[in-house]
Amino acid sequence: MPYLLTRLRVALALLLALATLLCPAQLSIRFGDGLDSIRKRDFLQVATRHGPVTFYEGSHGPTGFEYELLRRFAHSLGVSLAIDSSSRIDHVLDDVRDGRADMGAGALTLDLARPGIRYSRPILSLQPLVVYRRGLPPVRTLNDLIGLRIGAIANSGNAEALRTQQQNLPALGWREAEDLTVADLMEMVEREDLDVAVIYTHQFKLNRLFFPDVERGFALGKPRSLAWAFPADTPVDLLQAANAFIDAQRESGELDDLIARYFGHDDYLEYVGARLFIHHVSNRLPRFVPYFKEAARETGFDWRLLAALGYQESHWEPDATSPTGVRGLMMLTRPTASEVGIDNRLDPRQSVDGGARYLLHVKQRLNEAIPEPDRTWMALAAYNVGLGHLYDAQKIARLRGGDPMSWADVREALPLLQKREWHSRVRHGYARGGEPVIYVRNIRRYYEILKYVNRSQQQFNQLSERALDSEEISPFEVISPLL
């Protein structure tokens, strides 16, 4: 099902349909006809599929590791990018093979034996990884998999890794499905519908915070290579251009930077913190959700952002009190509470209302030219360290040649408030500027987890409903042991 379609392609489709009616004998145009046809039509048609590695709709537009790389590639060709997305790898490959796309990029593993497809140079190394549910006996070897319910995504390379291992261990069996995502598999492991899943290491790192009860097991077989797919029966000029682009990205270091941005972070302490956070999502948050939603309606913030702020402040403890006298779920000072009209800081409803209105007040005092989401991140930093120190950090960013309207540059400047050579040059002086950087980072991660939990709950409910409505009990195809 199309996920993103440019107006250009829609207009072109209408023109082609009209031309077919008027002069069908003279018209034979399809995607995948080489670089010249792409430049003439002025867009690159790509078949892909949903997922954090490939392509998804973020809060500020389309994103994803391969989407970012594809966007750069299209720009290097001087054309725009058109995306059609599917939930299945075989649909992506069929679109490429049959000429419905110029190329495919759906976390595809290089498979030289696949008919009708040429592959680009390897882009990323993919290591199949066994993950299992916390509480089970440790899964450390191939023999530990016997008797467990194992799930994998068909055609992803992970199912092929299991087939390779089955030759050495005929008693190995598993289930595989094409319409599931990595998040679906990890959700099933956590909910005890599966014991084990086989995914890629970088996928585990991306999803680990969201599924703290899923443990790392062991690497399964040899690494595979992520690559782009091209039709085998068309000119190779587009493939050659892609290979040159990949080489240039690697030589310049831009590919490594992109890989690090999407897959480089895997902090165990944050993982442990996420486990505690998700525990409190189930046990503490439900009581306060109506208050966060009410405050969100009044202020225009996402209620999940306000909830993430509340967790960072107090771990959703309405009686929290700091040694400095800051109190309540949103940890308001007495002057702040008075400023926003709160008379009982320990009343969770009042505290949430006051915290949300104070955050809005801070945000409204920031320069309106600061774009989102940077303006929100700066407002959160000011909630923690104060507006005066945030203004000082903006000034330091400007003095260093950065952009005071960019959170990335202000984030780099804030810790400098701890250094005399810098805080002596600004109005409000010394501040523990490293704290608001960590503060905002934590809130953003809690916010992402809350959005994910909410979205995945809806998706899992839909999946469960499909399973109940279907005559089949499971979406999986069962691969039986060879014995």
Protein backbone atom coordinates (compact mmCIF):
# COMPACT_ATOMS: atom_id res chain seq x y z
CA MET A 1 0.00 0.00 0.00
CA PRO A 2 1.55 3.38 -0.93
CA TYR A 3 2.82 5.24 2.08
CA LEU A 4 4.34 8.25 0.46
CA LEU A 5 3.57 9.34 -3.11
CA THR A 6 4.69 12.56 -4.70
CA ARG A 7 2.20 14.75 -6.52
CA LEU A 8 4.52 14.49 -9.47
CA ARG A 9 4.01 10.77 -9.74
CA VAL A 10 0.23 11.12 -9.45
CA ALA A 11 0.19 13.68 -12.25
CA LEU A 12 2.46 11.51 -14.36
CA ALA A 13 0.23 8.49 -13.85
CA LEU A 14 -2.80 10.45 -15.08
CA LEU A 15 -0.90 11.66 -18.14
CA LEU A 16 0.31 8.16 -18.94
CA ALA A 17 -3.19 6.76 -18.61
CA LEU A 18 -4.53 9.42 -21.00
CA ALA A 19 -1.67 8.84 -23.44
CA THR A 20 -2.33 5.10 -23.40
CA LEU A 21 -5.91 5.69 -24.48
CA LEU A 22 -4.90 8.08 -27.26
CA CYS A 23 -1.86 6.26 -28.67
CA PRO A 24 -1.31 2.87 -27.03
CA ALA A 25 0.95 1.57 -29.77
CA GLN A 26 3.51 4.32 -29.22
CA LEU A 27 3.74 4.13 -25.42
CA SER A 28 5.97 1.68 -23.53
CA ILE A 29 7.22 3.24 -20.32
CA ARG A 30 8.04 1.43 -17.09
CA PHE A 31 10.16 2.09 -14.04
CA GLY A 32 13.58 0.49 -13.91
CA ASP A 33 14.55 1.59 -17.43
CA GLY A 34 17.83 3.19 -16.39
CA LEU A 35 19.27 6.52 -15.37
CA ASP A 36 18.18 8.51 -18.42
CA SER A 37 14.48 7.77 -17.90
CA ILE A 38 14.79 8.70 -14.19
CA ARG A 39 16.28 12.08 -15.03
CA LYS A 40 13.66 12.73 -17.70
CA ARG A 41 10.77 12.06 -15.33
CA ASP A 42 12.67 13.86 -12.51
CA PHE A 43 12.13 11.35 -9.70
CA LEU A 44 13.54 8.06 -8.44
CA GLN A 45 10.89 5.43 -7.69
CA VAL A 46 11.86 3.22 -4.74
CA ALA A 47 10.08 0.21 -3.30
CA THR A 48 10.66 -0.20 0.44
CA ARG A 49 8.95 -1.38 3.60
CA HIS A 50 8.16 0.06 7.00
CA GLY A 51 10.63 -0.15 9.85
CA PRO A 52 13.17 1.89 11.84
CA VAL A 53 16.02 0.63 9.66
CA THR A 54 14.21 1.41 6.42
CA PHE A 55 11.44 4.01 6.34
CA TYR A 56 8.81 5.30 8.74
CA GLU A 57 6.81 8.42 9.41
CA GLY A 58 8.38 10.24 12.35
CA SER A 59 6.88 13.10 14.31
CA HIS A 60 8.47 15.55 11.86
CA GLY A 61 8.14 13.70 8.57
CA PRO A 62 9.57 10.60 6.92
CA THR A 63 12.78 9.20 8.36
CA GLY A 64 14.77 5.97 8.77
CA PHE A 65 18.34 4.90 8.02
CA GLU A 66 17.74 3.77 4.43
CA TYR A 67 15.34 6.65 3.76
CA GLU A 68 18.07 9.12 4.74
CA LEU A 69 20.54 7.36 2.46
CA LEU A 70 18.02 7.17 -0.40
CA ARG A 71 17.22 10.86 -0.06
CA ARG A 72 20.92 11.65 -0.40
CA PHE A 73 21.23 9.33 -3.40
CA ALA A 74 18.27 10.94 -5.19
CA HIS A 75 19.78 14.37 -4.48
CA SER A 76 23.09 13.22 -5.97
CA LEU A 77 21.19 12.31 -9.16
CA GLY A 78 19.46 15.68 -9.21
CA VAL A 79 15.96 14.20 -8.87
CA SER A 80 13.28 13.91 -6.20
CA LEU A 81 12.45 10.75 -4.27
CA ALA A 82 9.16 8.81 -4.52
CA ILE A 83 8.51 6.01 -2.04
CA ASP A 84 6.08 3.10 -2.19
CA SER A 85 6.12 0.94 0.93
CA SER A 86 4.90 -2.55 1.74
CA SER A 87 4.93 -4.76 4.80
CA ARG A 88 6.59 -7.68 2.99
CA ILE A 89 10.07 -8.18 1.63
CA ASP A 90 8.87 -10.33 -1.27
CA HIS A 91 6.54 -7.52 -2.41
CA VAL A 92 9.50 -5.12 -2.52
CA LEU A 93 11.53 -7.57 -4.61
CA ASP A 94 8.57 -8.29 -6.91
CA ASP A 95 8.12 -4.55 -7.54
CA VAL A 96 11.79 -4.30 -8.53
CA ARG A 97 11.83 -7.46 -10.65
CA ASP A 98 8.60 -6.55 -12.49
CA GLY A 99 9.58 -2.95 -13.23
CA ARG A 100 7.21 -1.19 -10.82
CA ALA A 101 10.20 0.46 -9.12
CA ASP A 102 13.64 1.62 -10.17
CA MET A 103 15.16 -0.02 -7.11
CA GLY A 104 14.33 -1.63 -3.79
CA ALA A 105 15.63 -0.76 -0.31
CA GLY A 106 13.79 -2.64 2.43
CA ALA A 107 16.52 -3.97 4.77
CA LEU A 108 17.30 -6.44 1.98
CA THR A 109 20.11 -8.92 2.41
CA LEU A 110 22.43 -9.58 -0.50
CA ASP A 111 21.41 -12.86 -2.16
CA LEU A 112 23.22 -13.51 -5.44
CA ALA A 113 21.11 -16.63 -6.07
CA ARG A 114 17.86 -14.65 -6.21
CA PRO A 115 16.62 -14.56 -9.85
CA GLY A 116 15.85 -11.31 -11.64
CA ILE A 117 17.73 -9.10 -9.15
CA ARG A 118 21.09 -7.32 -9.15
CA TYR A 119 22.49 -5.97 -5.89
CA SER A 120 24.53 -2.93 -5.00
CA ARG A 121 27.71 -2.97 -2.98
CA PRO A 122 27.15 -3.91 0.69
CA ILE A 123 26.01 -0.95 2.76
CA LEU A 124 25.83 -2.36 6.26
CA SER A 125 26.85 -5.61 7.97
CA LEU A 126 23.87 -7.44 9.52
CA GLN A 127 24.53 -10.00 12.26
CA PRO A 128 21.64 -12.40 13.00
CA LEU A 129 21.03 -12.46 16.75
CA VAL A 130 18.98 -14.76 18.97
CA VAL A 131 16.97 -12.87 21.61
CA TYR A 132 14.82 -14.46 24.31
CA ARG A 133 12.40 -13.61 27.09
CA ARG A 134 13.81 -12.60 30.45
CA GLY A 135 13.04 -15.31 33.01
CA LEU A 136 13.78 -18.23 30.72
CA PRO A 137 16.96 -20.25 31.26
CA PRO A 138 19.82 -18.44 29.45
CA VAL A 139 19.86 -19.09 25.70
CA ARG A 140 23.55 -19.19 24.82
CA THR A 141 24.00 -21.99 22.28
CA LEU A 142 22.17 -23.57 19.36
CA ASN A 143 21.18 -26.57 21.51
CA ASP A 144 19.39 -24.23 23.95
CA LEU A 145 16.85 -23.47 21.18
CA ILE A 146 15.46 -27.01 21.02
CA GLY A 147 11.89 -27.11 22.27
CA LEU A 148 11.48 -23.33 22.33
CA ARG A 149 8.97 -21.35 20.27
CA ILE A 150 11.12 -19.42 17.80
CA GLY A 151 9.94 -16.67 15.45
CA ALA A 152 11.60 -14.98 12.46
CA ILE A 153 10.62 -12.76 9.53
CA ALA A 154 10.49 -14.70 6.28
CA ASN A 155 12.90 -13.62 3.50
CA SER A 156 14.77 -11.34 5.91
CA GLY A 157 17.98 -13.35 6.01
CA ASN A 158 17.30 -14.42 9.58
CA ALA A 159 15.04 -17.27 8.48
CA GLU A 160 17.80 -18.30 6.07
CA ALA A 161 20.28 -18.26 8.97
CA LEU A 162 18.00 -20.68 10.81
CA ARG A 163 17.82 -22.94 7.76
CA THR A 164 21.60 -23.05 7.59
CA GLN A 165 21.80 -24.02 11.25
CA GLN A 166 19.09 -26.65 10.80
CA GLN A 167 21.50 -28.59 8.59
CA ASN A 168 23.76 -28.97 11.63
CA LEU A 169 20.91 -29.43 14.11
CA PRO A 170 17.98 -31.23 12.42
CA ALA A 171 15.86 -31.01 15.61
CA LEU A 172 15.66 -27.21 15.16
CA GLY A 173 12.24 -25.87 14.15
CA TRP A 174 10.73 -22.39 14.05
CA ARG A 175 7.92 -20.19 12.73
CA GLU A 176 8.27 -17.45 10.15
CA ALA A 177 5.95 -14.80 8.76
CA GLU A 178 6.26 -12.02 6.18
CA ASP A 179 3.74 -9.49 7.51
CA LEU A 180 5.40 -8.93 10.90
CA THR A 181 7.99 -6.37 11.94
CA VAL A 182 10.90 -6.75 14.34
CA ALA A 183 8.85 -4.88 16.92
CA ASP A 184 6.03 -7.40 16.48
CA LEU A 185 8.44 -10.27 17.15
CA MET A 186 9.92 -8.64 20.25
CA GLU A 187 6.42 -7.82 21.50
CA MET A 188 5.45 -11.47 21.08
CA VAL A 189 8.51 -12.60 23.00
CA GLU A 190 7.75 -10.19 25.82
CA ARG A 191 4.08 -11.23 25.91
CA GLU A 192 5.04 -14.94 25.98
CA ASP A 193 3.54 -15.76 22.57
CA LEU A 194 7.10 -16.67 21.53
CA ASP A 195 10.10 -17.70 23.59
CA VAL A 196 12.76 -16.61 21.13
CA ALA A 197 13.12 -14.39 18.05
CA VAL A 198 15.91 -14.12 15.52
CA ILE A 199 16.55 -10.52 14.48
CA TYR A 200 19.61 -8.46 13.60
CA THR A 201 21.92 -6.98 16.23
CA HIS A 202 21.27 -3.38 15.18
CA GLN A 203 17.50 -4.01 15.32
CA PHE A 204 17.88 -5.22 18.90
CA LYS A 205 19.83 -2.08 19.79
CA LEU A 206 17.15 0.11 18.21
CA ASN A 207 14.27 -1.61 20.02
CA ARG A 208 15.91 -2.64 23.28
CA LEU A 209 14.62 0.30 25.34
CA PHE A 210 11.06 -0.49 24.30
CA PHE A 211 11.23 -4.17 25.26
CA PRO A 212 13.27 -4.42 28.47
CA ASP A 213 12.15 -8.01 29.13
CA VAL A 214 13.80 -9.24 25.93
CA GLU A 215 17.40 -10.40 26.50
CA ARG A 216 20.33 -10.70 24.13
CA GLY A 217 21.18 -14.36 23.43
CA PHE A 218 23.92 -15.22 20.94
CA ALA A 219 25.01 -14.46 17.39
CA LEU A 220 23.55 -16.96 14.91
CA GLY A 221 25.90 -17.81 12.07
CA LYS A 222 27.83 -15.40 9.89
CA PRO A 223 27.00 -11.73 9.25
CA ARG A 224 24.98 -10.83 6.17
CA SER A 225 25.08 -7.69 4.04
CA LEU A 226 22.40 -5.06 3.59
CA ALA A 227 22.24 -3.95 -0.04
CA TRP A 228 19.94 -2.23 -2.54
CA ALA A 229 18.17 -4.25 -5.25
CA PHE A 230 17.88 -3.41 -8.97
CA PRO A 231 16.13 -5.15 -11.91
CA ALA A 232 18.49 -7.58 -13.63
CA ASP A 233 17.05 -6.99 -17.12
CA THR A 234 17.65 -3.22 -17.31
CA PRO A 235 20.71 -1.03 -17.98
CA VAL A 236 23.32 -1.07 -15.23
CA ASP A 237 23.87 2.70 -15.18
CA LEU A 238 21.64 3.24 -12.14
CA LEU A 239 23.36 0.39 -10.29
CA GLN A 240 26.75 1.87 -11.18
CA ALA A 241 25.62 5.28 -9.94
CA ALA A 242 24.43 3.70 -6.67
CA ASN A 243 27.75 1.91 -6.18
CA ALA A 244 29.68 5.12 -6.80
CA PHE A 245 27.42 6.94 -4.34
CA ILE A 246 27.89 4.26 -1.64
CA ASP A 247 31.67 4.37 -2.15
CA ALA A 248 31.68 8.17 -1.87
CA GLN A 249 29.55 8.10 1.30
CA ARG A 250 31.89 5.57 2.87
CA GLU A 251 35.09 7.40 1.86
CA SER A 252 33.81 10.74 3.16
CA GLY A 253 32.80 9.24 6.52
CA GLU A 254 29.17 10.28 6.03
CA LEU A 255 27.98 6.67 5.89
CA ASP A 256 29.73 5.87 9.18
CA ASP A 257 28.19 8.98 10.75
CA LEU A 258 24.72 7.90 9.60
CA ILE A 259 25.25 4.36 10.90
CA ALA A 260 26.42 5.73 14.27
CA ARG A 261 23.43 8.08 14.48
CA TYR A 262 20.90 5.29 13.97
CA PHE A 263 22.64 2.26 15.46
CA GLY A 264 25.59 3.41 17.54
CA HIS A 265 23.93 3.97 20.92
CA ASP A 266 23.50 1.04 23.31
CA ASP A 267 23.94 2.22 26.90
CA TYR A 268 23.26 -0.54 29.43
CA LEU A 269 22.48 1.88 32.25
CA GLU A 270 19.83 3.55 30.11
CA TYR A 271 18.47 0.10 29.32
CA VAL A 272 18.15 -0.67 33.03
CA GLY A 273 16.50 2.72 33.55
CA ALA A 274 14.08 1.96 30.74
CA ARG A 275 13.05 -1.30 32.44
CA LEU A 276 12.14 0.64 35.58
CA PHE A 277 10.37 3.28 33.49
CA ILE A 278 8.19 0.74 31.67
CA HIS A 279 7.39 -0.92 35.01
CA HIS A 280 6.11 2.44 36.26
CA VAL A 281 4.21 2.99 32.98
CA SER A 282 2.08 0.01 33.95
CA ASN A 283 1.87 0.57 37.69
CA ARG A 284 2.01 4.31 38.36
CA LEU A 285 1.13 6.21 35.20
CA PRO A 286 -2.52 5.08 34.66
CA ARG A 287 -3.67 7.02 37.74
CA PHE A 288 -2.30 10.27 36.33
CA VAL A 289 -3.09 9.89 32.60
CA PRO A 290 -6.38 11.87 32.88
CA TYR A 291 -4.48 14.78 34.45
CA PHE A 292 -1.80 14.78 31.74
CA LYS A 293 -4.44 14.63 29.01
CA GLU A 294 -6.42 17.45 30.61
CA ALA A 295 -3.30 19.62 30.85
CA ALA A 296 -2.40 18.75 27.24
CA ARG A 297 -5.79 19.99 26.02
CA GLU A 298 -5.24 23.27 27.85
CA THR A 299 -1.67 23.88 26.71
CA GLY A 300 -1.35 22.14 23.34
CA PHE A 301 1.48 19.82 24.37
CA ASP A 302 1.39 16.10 23.69
CA TRP A 303 0.22 14.49 26.94
CA ARG A 304 2.99 11.91 26.59
CA LEU A 305 5.61 14.66 26.57
CA LEU A 306 4.12 16.07 29.78
CA ALA A 307 4.10 12.58 31.28
CA ALA A 308 7.76 12.11 30.31
CA LEU A 309 8.57 15.43 31.97
CA GLY A 310 6.71 14.32 35.10
CA TYR A 311 8.64 11.08 35.23
CA GLN A 312 11.98 12.84 34.87
CA GLU A 313 11.00 15.18 37.71
CA SER A 314 9.53 12.76 40.25
CA HIS A 315 9.17 9.24 38.79
CA TRP A 316 5.41 10.01 39.05
CA GLU A 317 5.59 10.29 42.84
CA PRO A 318 2.99 12.92 43.85
CA ASP A 319 4.56 13.36 47.30
CA ALA A 320 8.14 13.80 46.04
CA THR A 321 10.16 16.45 47.87
CA SER A 322 13.73 17.54 47.19
CA PRO A 323 16.21 18.80 49.81
CA THR A 324 15.80 22.29 48.30
CA GLY A 325 12.04 22.31 48.89
CA VAL A 326 10.89 21.56 45.34
CA ARG A 327 7.77 19.40 45.67
CA GLY A 328 5.13 17.37 43.89
CA LEU A 329 4.76 15.28 40.77
CA MET A 330 6.13 18.07 38.55
CA MET A 331 8.56 19.28 41.26
CA LEU A 332 7.47 22.91 41.36
CA THR A 333 9.18 25.53 43.50
CA ARG A 334 6.97 27.60 45.78
CA PRO A 335 7.43 30.78 43.66
CA THR A 336 6.63 28.87 40.45
CA ALA A 337 3.52 27.35 42.00
CA SER A 338 2.40 30.79 43.10
CA GLU A 339 3.13 32.21 39.64
CA VAL A 340 0.86 29.64 37.93
CA GLY A 341 -1.83 29.76 40.63
CA ILE A 342 -1.19 26.43 42.36
CA ASP A 343 -1.95 26.35 46.09
CA ASN A 344 -1.23 22.65 46.78
CA ARG A 345 1.89 21.30 45.11
CA LEU A 346 1.22 17.80 46.45
CA ASP A 347 -2.13 17.54 44.67
CA PRO A 348 -1.15 15.62 41.48
CA ARG A 349 -3.83 17.24 39.34
CA GLN A 350 -2.76 20.74 40.37
CA SER A 351 0.90 19.83 39.99
CA VAL A 352 0.46 18.53 36.44
CA ASP A 353 -1.64 21.55 35.50
CA GLY A 354 0.91 23.94 36.99
CA GLY A 355 3.89 22.20 35.40
CA ALA A 356 2.27 22.19 31.96
CA ARG A 357 1.31 25.87 32.17
CA TYR A 358 4.78 26.82 33.39
CA LEU A 359 6.38 24.91 30.50
CA LEU A 360 4.08 26.76 28.08
CA HIS A 361 4.98 30.07 29.71
CA VAL A 362 8.69 29.31 29.26
CA LYS A 363 8.21 28.24 25.65
CA GLN A 364 6.25 31.39 24.81
CA ARG A 365 9.16 33.53 26.02
CA LEU A 366 11.55 31.90 23.56
CA ASN A 367 12.21 33.43 20.17
CA GLU A 368 9.38 32.44 17.82
CA ALA A 369 11.91 31.93 15.02
CA ILE A 370 13.27 28.82 16.75
CA PRO A 371 11.87 25.89 14.74
CA GLU A 372 10.22 22.82 16.19
CA PRO A 373 11.13 20.51 17.75
CA ASP A 374 14.14 22.59 18.87
CA ARG A 375 11.89 25.14 20.56
CA THR A 376 10.31 22.45 22.72
CA TRP A 377 13.71 20.98 23.68
CA MET A 378 14.93 24.44 24.68
CA ALA A 379 11.78 25.04 26.71
CA LEU A 380 12.42 21.79 28.59
CA ALA A 381 16.03 22.82 29.21
CA ALA A 382 14.84 26.17 30.57
CA TYR A 383 12.28 24.37 32.78
CA ASN A 384 15.30 22.69 34.38
CA VAL A 385 18.04 25.33 34.41
CA GLY A 386 16.06 28.58 34.05
CA LEU A 387 15.42 30.90 31.13
CA GLY A 388 18.32 33.19 31.98
CA HIS A 389 20.88 30.43 31.71
CA LEU A 390 19.30 29.20 28.48
CA TYR A 391 19.62 32.70 27.01
CA ASP A 392 23.26 32.67 28.12
CA ALA A 393 23.83 29.34 26.38
CA GLN A 394 22.31 30.79 23.21
CA LYS A 395 24.75 33.68 23.44
CA ILE A 396 27.68 31.28 23.91
CA ALA A 397 26.50 29.28 20.89
CA ARG A 398 26.55 32.49 18.85
CA LEU A 399 30.00 33.48 20.18
CA ARG A 400 31.32 30.07 19.12
CA GLY A 401 30.01 30.54 15.58
CA GLY A 402 26.97 28.31 16.09
CA ASP A 403 23.26 28.88 15.63
CA PRO A 404 21.43 30.06 18.79
CA MET A 405 18.18 28.86 17.20
CA SER A 406 19.48 25.28 16.95
CA TRP A 407 19.11 22.93 19.90
CA ALA A 408 22.15 20.96 18.70
CA ASP A 409 24.35 24.09 19.04
CA VAL A 410 22.76 25.26 22.30
CA ARG A 411 23.13 21.75 23.70
CA GLU A 412 26.88 21.98 23.02
CA ALA A 413 27.04 25.40 24.67
CA LEU A 414 25.15 24.63 27.90
CA PRO A 415 27.97 22.64 29.61
CA LEU A 416 30.31 25.60 28.99
CA LEU A 417 28.36 27.54 31.64
CA GLN A 418 30.41 25.50 34.12
CA LYS A 419 33.67 27.03 32.80
CA ARG A 420 34.81 30.43 34.00
CA GLU A 421 36.15 31.46 30.60
CA TRP A 422 32.57 31.27 29.29
CA HIS A 423 30.20 32.00 32.20
CA SER A 424 32.19 35.18 32.92
CA ARG A 425 31.12 36.48 29.49
CA VAL A 426 27.36 36.10 29.98
CA ARG A 427 24.76 37.79 32.16
CA HIS A 428 23.63 35.08 34.58
CA GLY A 429 27.00 33.50 35.32
CA TYR A 430 27.77 29.97 36.43
CA ALA A 431 25.31 27.09 36.01
CA ARG A 432 25.59 23.32 36.05
CA GLY A 433 24.93 23.35 32.34
CA GLY A 434 25.54 19.66 31.76
CA GLU A 435 22.43 18.78 33.78
CA PRO A 436 19.80 20.23 31.40
CA VAL A 437 21.46 18.40 28.49
CA ILE A 438 20.99 15.06 30.26
CA TYR A 439 17.56 16.20 31.47
CA VAL A 440 16.27 16.87 27.95
CA ARG A 441 17.88 13.70 26.57
CA ASN A 442 16.12 11.59 29.21
CA ILE A 443 12.74 13.24 28.62
CA ARG A 444 13.04 12.70 24.88
CA ARG A 445 13.76 9.00 25.40
CA TYR A 446 10.91 8.57 27.88
CA TYR A 447 8.66 10.39 25.41
CA GLU A 448 9.71 8.08 22.56
CA ILE A 449 9.06 5.03 24.74
CA LEU A 450 5.59 6.31 25.69
CA LYS A 451 4.76 6.97 22.03
CA TYR A 452 6.01 3.54 21.11
CA VAL A 453 4.12 1.79 23.91
CA ASN A 454 0.92 3.54 22.88
CA ARG A 455 1.41 2.80 19.18
CA SER A 456 2.53 -0.80 19.67
CA GLN A 457 -0.40 -1.50 21.98
CA GLN A 458 -2.78 -0.42 19.22
CA GLN A 459 -0.87 -2.45 16.63
CA PHE A 460 -0.79 -5.52 18.84
CA ASN A 461 -4.53 -5.23 19.50
CA GLN A 462 -5.12 -5.05 15.74
CA LEU A 463 -2.87 -8.07 15.22
CA SER A 464 -4.77 -9.98 17.89
CA GLU A 465 -8.10 -9.03 16.30
CA ARG A 466 -6.86 -10.25 12.90
CA ALA A 467 -5.80 -13.51 14.46
CA LEU A 468 -9.20 -13.94 16.15
CA ASP A 469 -11.07 -13.11 12.94
CA SER A 470 -8.91 -15.47 10.90
CA GLU A 471 -9.46 -19.18 10.55
CA GLU A 472 -5.73 -19.60 11.23
CA ILE A 473 -4.61 -19.47 14.84
CA SER A 474 -1.19 -18.01 14.00
CA PRO A 475 0.18 -15.68 11.29
CA PHE A 476 3.26 -17.91 11.09
CA GLU A 477 4.26 -20.64 8.73
CA VAL A 478 5.69 -23.46 10.84
CA ILE A 479 9.09 -24.80 9.74
CA SER A 480 9.25 -28.28 11.26
CA PRO A 481 12.41 -30.01 12.47
CA LEU A 482 14.04 -32.31 9.92
CA LEU A 483 13.96 -35.22 12.34
